[in-house]
Amino acid sequence: KNQLKASLLMFQDSTQAVAESIGRDLLMHGRRIPKAELMARIDAVTADTIRDVADKFIYDKCMVVAAAGDAQFMPDYNWFRRRSYLLRY
């Protein structure tokens, strides 16, 4: 969490980065998100939150796999699919 907060604060060094941040906030939230609120949102993330997001978006979902360059040693689709399957029962 601390590394994410530090990188977000250091990202705000240039005017271009600030403009990008303002635009992203306006598109996603309809308003500018204050730094204090952003840091509070980051602090509110728990292991349970991460687990819930992984359950919803990653585990037991069909994947899309893409490769650029020499892909002969890349595992096949079934290798990835087996590792995303969650044994629930």
C-alpha atoms as a PDB file:
ATOM      1  CA  LYS A   1       0.000   0.000   0.000  1.00  0.00           C
ATOM      2  CA  ASN A   2       2.799   2.391   0.859  1.00  0.00           C
ATOM      3  CA  GLN A   3       4.564   1.745  -2.429  1.00  0.00           C
ATOM      4  CA  LEU A   4       1.357   2.409  -4.372  1.00  0.00           C
ATOM      5  CA  LYS A   5       0.751   5.643  -2.458  1.00  0.00           C
ATOM      6  CA  ALA A   6       4.328   6.806  -3.033  1.00  0.00           C
ATOM      7  CA  SER A   7       4.211   6.059  -6.747  1.00  0.00           C
ATOM      8  CA  LEU A   8       0.888   7.884  -7.115  1.00  0.00           C
ATOM      9  CA  LEU A   9       2.302  10.946  -5.373  1.00  0.00           C
ATOM     10  CA  MET A  10       5.531  10.915  -7.400  1.00  0.00           C
ATOM     11  CA  PHE A  11       3.507  10.503 -10.600  1.00  0.00           C
ATOM     12  CA  GLN A  12       2.061  13.987 -10.033  1.00  0.00           C
ATOM     13  CA  ASP A  13       5.381  15.746 -10.805  1.00  0.00           C
ATOM     14  CA  SER A  14       4.622  17.037 -14.305  1.00  0.00           C
ATOM     15  CA  THR A  15       1.747  19.147 -15.580  1.00  0.00           C
ATOM     16  CA  GLN A  16       0.941  16.451 -18.133  1.00  0.00           C
ATOM     17  CA  ALA A  17       0.560  13.850 -15.387  1.00  0.00           C
ATOM     18  CA  VAL A  18      -1.659  16.175 -13.346  1.00  0.00           C
ATOM     19  CA  ALA A  19      -3.869  16.848 -16.391  1.00  0.00           C
ATOM     20  CA  GLU A  20      -4.093  13.103 -17.060  1.00  0.00           C
ATOM     21  CA  SER A  21      -5.052  12.467 -13.442  1.00  0.00           C
ATOM     22  CA  ILE A  22      -7.744  15.154 -13.519  1.00  0.00           C
ATOM     23  CA  GLY A  23      -9.159  13.773 -16.771  1.00  0.00           C
ATOM     24  CA  ARG A  24      -9.190  10.202 -15.451  1.00  0.00           C
ATOM     25  CA  ASP A  25     -10.939  11.293 -12.245  1.00  0.00           C
ATOM     26  CA  LEU A  26     -13.570  13.234 -14.171  1.00  0.00           C
ATOM     27  CA  LEU A  27     -14.257  10.347 -16.552  1.00  0.00           C
ATOM     28  CA  MET A  28     -14.388   7.678 -13.857  1.00  0.00           C
ATOM     29  CA  HIS A  29     -15.981   9.532 -10.948  1.00  0.00           C
ATOM     30  CA  GLY A  30     -17.447  12.713 -12.399  1.00  0.00           C
ATOM     31  CA  ARG A  31     -15.353  14.799  -9.996  1.00  0.00           C
ATOM     32  CA  ARG A  32     -11.770  15.313  -8.871  1.00  0.00           C
ATOM     33  CA  ILE A  33     -10.754  12.840  -6.161  1.00  0.00           C
ATOM     34  CA  PRO A  34      -8.795  14.581  -3.366  1.00  0.00           C
ATOM     35  CA  LYS A  35      -5.504  12.972  -2.364  1.00  0.00           C
ATOM     36  CA  ALA A  36      -6.776  12.314   1.181  1.00  0.00           C
ATOM     37  CA  GLU A  37      -9.762  10.379  -0.181  1.00  0.00           C
ATOM     38  CA  LEU A  38      -7.545   8.425  -2.586  1.00  0.00           C
ATOM     39  CA  MET A  39      -5.198   7.443   0.240  1.00  0.00           C
ATOM     40  CA  ALA A  40      -8.173   6.441   2.421  1.00  0.00           C
ATOM     41  CA  ARG A  41      -9.498   4.240  -0.407  1.00  0.00           C
ATOM     42  CA  ILE A  42      -6.106   2.541  -0.724  1.00  0.00           C
ATOM     43  CA  ASP A  43      -5.935   2.008   3.056  1.00  0.00           C
ATOM     44  CA  ALA A  44      -9.435   0.477   2.997  1.00  0.00           C
ATOM     45  CA  VAL A  45      -8.300  -2.404   0.746  1.00  0.00           C
ATOM     46  CA  THR A  46      -7.932  -5.642   2.697  1.00  0.00           C
ATOM     47  CA  ALA A  47      -6.975  -9.206   1.850  1.00  0.00           C
ATOM     48  CA  ASP A  48     -10.679 -10.068   1.773  1.00  0.00           C
ATOM     49  CA  THR A  49     -11.267  -7.333  -0.812  1.00  0.00           C
ATOM     50  CA  ILE A  50      -8.517  -8.753  -3.024  1.00  0.00           C
ATOM     51  CA  ARG A  51      -9.906 -12.267  -2.603  1.00  0.00           C
ATOM     52  CA  ASP A  52     -13.424 -11.122  -3.561  1.00  0.00           C
ATOM     53  CA  VAL A  53     -12.146  -9.362  -6.680  1.00  0.00           C
ATOM     54  CA  ALA A  54     -10.112 -12.420  -7.676  1.00  0.00           C
ATOM     55  CA  ASP A  55     -13.157 -14.658  -7.189  1.00  0.00           C
ATOM     56  CA  LYS A  56     -15.274 -12.401  -9.356  1.00  0.00           C
ATOM     57  CA  PHE A  57     -12.875 -11.616 -12.206  1.00  0.00           C
ATOM     58  CA  ILE A  58     -10.059 -14.196 -12.283  1.00  0.00           C
ATOM     59  CA  TYR A  59     -10.892 -17.598 -10.832  1.00  0.00           C
ATOM     60  CA  ASP A  60     -12.829 -20.069 -12.965  1.00  0.00           C
ATOM     61  CA  LYS A  61     -13.170 -17.720 -15.941  1.00  0.00           C
ATOM     62  CA  CYS A  62     -12.258 -18.367 -19.546  1.00  0.00           C
ATOM     63  CA  MET A  63      -8.973 -16.637 -20.287  1.00  0.00           C
ATOM     64  CA  VAL A  64      -7.556 -14.901 -23.297  1.00  0.00           C
ATOM     65  CA  VAL A  65      -3.867 -15.568 -23.854  1.00  0.00           C
ATOM     66  CA  ALA A  66      -1.734 -13.570 -26.279  1.00  0.00           C
ATOM     67  CA  ALA A  67       1.967 -13.701 -27.040  1.00  0.00           C
ATOM     68  CA  ALA A  68       4.345 -11.579 -29.056  1.00  0.00           C
ATOM     69  CA  GLY A  69       7.558 -12.976 -30.461  1.00  0.00           C
ATOM     70  CA  ASP A  70       8.829 -16.520 -29.997  1.00  0.00           C
ATOM     71  CA  ALA A  71       6.006 -18.353 -28.224  1.00  0.00           C
ATOM     72  CA  GLN A  72       7.097 -21.948 -28.711  1.00  0.00           C
ATOM     73  CA  PHE A  73       7.874 -22.390 -25.010  1.00  0.00           C
ATOM     74  CA  MET A  74       4.721 -20.663 -23.824  1.00  0.00           C
ATOM     75  CA  PRO A  75       2.406 -23.050 -21.948  1.00  0.00           C
ATOM     76  CA  ASP A  76      -0.790 -24.033 -23.709  1.00  0.00           C
ATOM     77  CA  TYR A  77      -4.231 -22.707 -22.826  1.00  0.00           C
ATOM     78  CA  ASN A  78      -5.061 -25.675 -20.565  1.00  0.00           C
ATOM     79  CA  TRP A  79      -2.033 -24.951 -18.363  1.00  0.00           C
ATOM     80  CA  PHE A  80      -3.361 -21.437 -17.652  1.00  0.00           C
ATOM     81  CA  ARG A  81      -6.936 -22.650 -17.277  1.00  0.00           C
ATOM     82  CA  ARG A  82      -5.997 -25.306 -14.684  1.00  0.00           C
ATOM     83  CA  ARG A  83      -4.315 -22.671 -12.548  1.00  0.00           C
ATOM     84  CA  SER A  84      -7.318 -20.360 -12.588  1.00  0.00           C
ATOM     85  CA  TYR A  85      -9.808 -23.046 -11.570  1.00  0.00           C
ATOM     86  CA  LEU A  86     -10.987 -22.635  -8.010  1.00  0.00           C
ATOM     87  CA  LEU A  87     -12.004 -25.792  -6.170  1.00  0.00           C
ATOM     88  CA  ARG A  88     -15.061 -24.600  -4.298  1.00  0.00           C
ATOM     89  CA  TYR A  89     -16.428 -27.932  -3.058  1.00  0.00           C
END
